[in-house]
Amino acid sequence: MAKCDNCGKTPMFGNARSFSMKATRRKFNPNIQRVRVFEKGEYVRKNLCAKCIKTLAKA
């Protein structure tokens, strides 16, 4: 499932708008990537969104 293990971000829903402005439902998926994170003295694999990866790199 497209869910961030750190912040819990999940897909959002909205409308796709054509040239005639007809609304059809669509899904916005978060940018989830599988990364190795150093946590509590060992490396752990986690599914994180790009924003969380960027934030963890700063710390």
N, C-alpha and C. Protein backbone atom coordinates (compact mmCIF):
# COMPACT_ATOMS: atom_id res chain seq x y z
N MET A 1 0.84 -1.18 0.00
CA MET A 1 0.00 0.00 0.00
C MET A 1 0.88 1.25 0.00
N ALA A 2 0.43 2.30 -0.66
CA ALA A 2 1.19 3.54 -0.72
C ALA A 2 0.99 4.32 0.57
N LYS A 3 1.84 4.03 1.59
CA LYS A 3 1.74 4.71 2.86
C LYS A 3 3.15 4.91 3.42
N CYS A 4 3.42 6.11 3.90
CA CYS A 4 4.72 6.42 4.50
C CYS A 4 4.77 5.86 5.91
N ASP A 5 5.87 5.15 6.23
CA ASP A 5 6.04 4.57 7.57
C ASP A 5 6.34 5.63 8.62
N ASN A 6 6.81 6.79 8.21
CA ASN A 6 7.19 7.84 9.15
C ASN A 6 6.02 8.78 9.46
N CYS A 7 5.42 9.38 8.45
CA CYS A 7 4.38 10.39 8.68
C CYS A 7 2.97 9.87 8.42
N GLY A 8 2.85 8.68 7.80
CA GLY A 8 1.52 8.11 7.56
C GLY A 8 0.80 8.69 6.36
N LYS A 9 1.54 9.37 5.48
CA LYS A 9 0.93 9.97 4.29
C LYS A 9 0.37 8.88 3.38
N THR A 10 -0.87 9.05 2.93
CA THR A 10 -1.56 8.09 2.06
C THR A 10 -2.08 8.81 0.82
N PRO A 11 -2.60 8.06 -0.17
CA PRO A 11 -3.14 8.72 -1.37
C PRO A 11 -4.28 9.68 -1.04
N MET A 12 -4.33 10.78 -1.82
CA MET A 12 -5.42 11.74 -1.70
C MET A 12 -6.24 11.67 -2.98
N PHE A 13 -7.47 12.13 -2.91
CA PHE A 13 -8.36 12.07 -4.06
C PHE A 13 -8.80 13.46 -4.45
N GLY A 14 -9.01 13.65 -5.75
CA GLY A 14 -9.44 14.94 -6.26
C GLY A 14 -10.09 14.75 -7.62
N ASN A 15 -10.13 15.83 -8.40
CA ASN A 15 -10.76 15.78 -9.71
C ASN A 15 -9.74 16.03 -10.81
N ALA A 16 -9.87 15.26 -11.90
CA ALA A 16 -9.14 15.55 -13.13
C ALA A 16 -10.06 16.43 -13.96
N ARG A 17 -9.55 17.53 -14.46
CA ARG A 17 -10.38 18.46 -15.22
C ARG A 17 -9.97 18.47 -16.68
N SER A 18 -10.92 18.18 -17.57
CA SER A 18 -10.66 18.22 -19.01
C SER A 18 -10.81 19.65 -19.51
N PHE A 19 -10.61 19.85 -20.80
CA PHE A 19 -10.71 21.19 -21.39
C PHE A 19 -12.12 21.76 -21.21
N SER A 20 -13.13 20.89 -21.21
CA SER A 20 -14.51 21.34 -21.02
C SER A 20 -14.87 21.49 -19.55
N MET A 21 -13.88 21.30 -18.66
CA MET A 21 -14.04 21.40 -17.21
C MET A 21 -14.92 20.29 -16.62
N LYS A 22 -15.07 19.18 -17.33
CA LYS A 22 -15.80 18.03 -16.80
C LYS A 22 -14.93 17.38 -15.73
N ALA A 23 -15.51 17.13 -14.56
CA ALA A 23 -14.75 16.58 -13.44
C ALA A 23 -14.88 15.07 -13.39
N THR A 24 -13.75 14.38 -13.37
CA THR A 24 -13.71 12.93 -13.15
C THR A 24 -12.75 12.67 -12.01
N ARG A 25 -13.06 11.69 -11.18
CA ARG A 25 -12.26 11.42 -9.99
C ARG A 25 -10.89 10.84 -10.35
N ARG A 26 -9.87 11.26 -9.61
CA ARG A 26 -8.53 10.73 -9.80
C ARG A 26 -7.84 10.63 -8.44
N LYS A 27 -6.67 9.96 -8.43
CA LYS A 27 -5.95 9.71 -7.19
C LYS A 27 -4.55 10.33 -7.27
N PHE A 28 -4.14 11.00 -6.19
CA PHE A 28 -2.80 11.57 -6.08
C PHE A 28 -2.01 10.69 -5.11
N ASN A 29 -1.05 9.91 -5.64
CA ASN A 29 -0.24 9.03 -4.80
C ASN A 29 0.97 9.77 -4.25
N PRO A 30 1.35 9.51 -3.00
CA PRO A 30 2.58 10.11 -2.47
C PRO A 30 3.80 9.44 -3.09
N ASN A 31 4.91 10.16 -3.11
CA ASN A 31 6.16 9.64 -3.70
C ASN A 31 6.85 8.74 -2.67
N ILE A 32 6.43 7.47 -2.62
CA ILE A 32 6.95 6.50 -1.65
C ILE A 32 8.15 5.77 -2.22
N GLN A 33 9.23 5.72 -1.45
CA GLN A 33 10.45 5.01 -1.87
C GLN A 33 10.94 4.13 -0.73
N ARG A 34 11.51 2.97 -1.09
CA ARG A 34 12.02 2.02 -0.11
C ARG A 34 13.49 2.36 0.16
N VAL A 35 13.81 2.75 1.41
CA VAL A 35 15.16 3.18 1.76
C VAL A 35 15.66 2.48 3.01
N ARG A 36 16.99 2.46 3.18
CA ARG A 36 17.62 1.94 4.40
C ARG A 36 17.87 3.12 5.32
N VAL A 37 17.39 3.00 6.57
CA VAL A 37 17.54 4.07 7.55
C VAL A 37 18.30 3.52 8.75
N PHE A 38 19.28 4.28 9.25
CA PHE A 38 20.04 3.89 10.43
C PHE A 38 19.22 4.27 11.65
N GLU A 39 18.72 3.27 12.39
CA GLU A 39 17.83 3.51 13.51
C GLU A 39 18.20 2.60 14.68
N LYS A 40 18.44 3.19 15.84
CA LYS A 40 18.78 2.45 17.06
C LYS A 40 19.97 1.51 16.86
N GLY A 41 21.02 2.00 16.19
CA GLY A 41 22.24 1.24 16.03
C GLY A 41 22.25 0.21 14.91
N GLU A 42 21.20 0.15 14.10
CA GLU A 42 21.17 -0.80 12.99
C GLU A 42 20.40 -0.22 11.81
N TYR A 43 20.64 -0.79 10.64
CA TYR A 43 19.93 -0.36 9.43
C TYR A 43 18.60 -1.08 9.31
N VAL A 44 17.56 -0.32 8.99
CA VAL A 44 16.21 -0.84 8.84
C VAL A 44 15.65 -0.39 7.50
N ARG A 45 14.94 -1.27 6.80
CA ARG A 45 14.29 -0.89 5.55
C ARG A 45 12.92 -0.30 5.86
N LYS A 46 12.65 0.87 5.27
CA LYS A 46 11.37 1.54 5.49
C LYS A 46 10.85 2.10 4.18
N ASN A 47 9.52 2.22 4.11
CA ASN A 47 8.87 2.88 2.98
C ASN A 47 8.59 4.32 3.41
N LEU A 48 9.36 5.28 2.85
CA LEU A 48 9.23 6.68 3.22
C LEU A 48 8.87 7.54 2.03
N CYS A 49 8.13 8.62 2.30
CA CYS A 49 7.83 9.58 1.23
C CYS A 49 9.08 10.45 1.02
N ALA A 50 9.16 11.10 -0.13
CA ALA A 50 10.34 11.89 -0.48
C ALA A 50 10.58 13.02 0.52
N LYS A 51 9.52 13.60 1.06
CA LYS A 51 9.66 14.69 2.02
C LYS A 51 10.31 14.20 3.31
N CYS A 52 9.94 13.00 3.77
CA CYS A 52 10.54 12.45 5.00
C CYS A 52 12.01 12.08 4.77
N ILE A 53 12.34 11.57 3.59
CA ILE A 53 13.74 11.24 3.26
C ILE A 53 14.58 12.51 3.31
N LYS A 54 14.04 13.60 2.75
CA LYS A 54 14.73 14.88 2.73
C LYS A 54 14.93 15.41 4.14
N THR A 55 13.91 15.29 4.99
CA THR A 55 13.99 15.77 6.37
C THR A 55 14.99 14.96 7.18
N LEU A 56 15.01 13.63 7.00
CA LEU A 56 15.94 12.77 7.73
C LEU A 56 17.39 13.03 7.31
N ALA A 57 17.59 13.40 6.04
CA ALA A 57 18.94 13.70 5.55
C ALA A 57 19.49 14.96 6.20
N LYS A 58 18.62 15.90 6.56
CA LYS A 58 19.05 17.14 7.22
C LYS A 58 19.55 16.88 8.63
N ALA A 59 18.88 15.96 9.33
CA ALA A 59 19.19 15.72 10.75
C ALA A 59 20.49 14.96 10.94
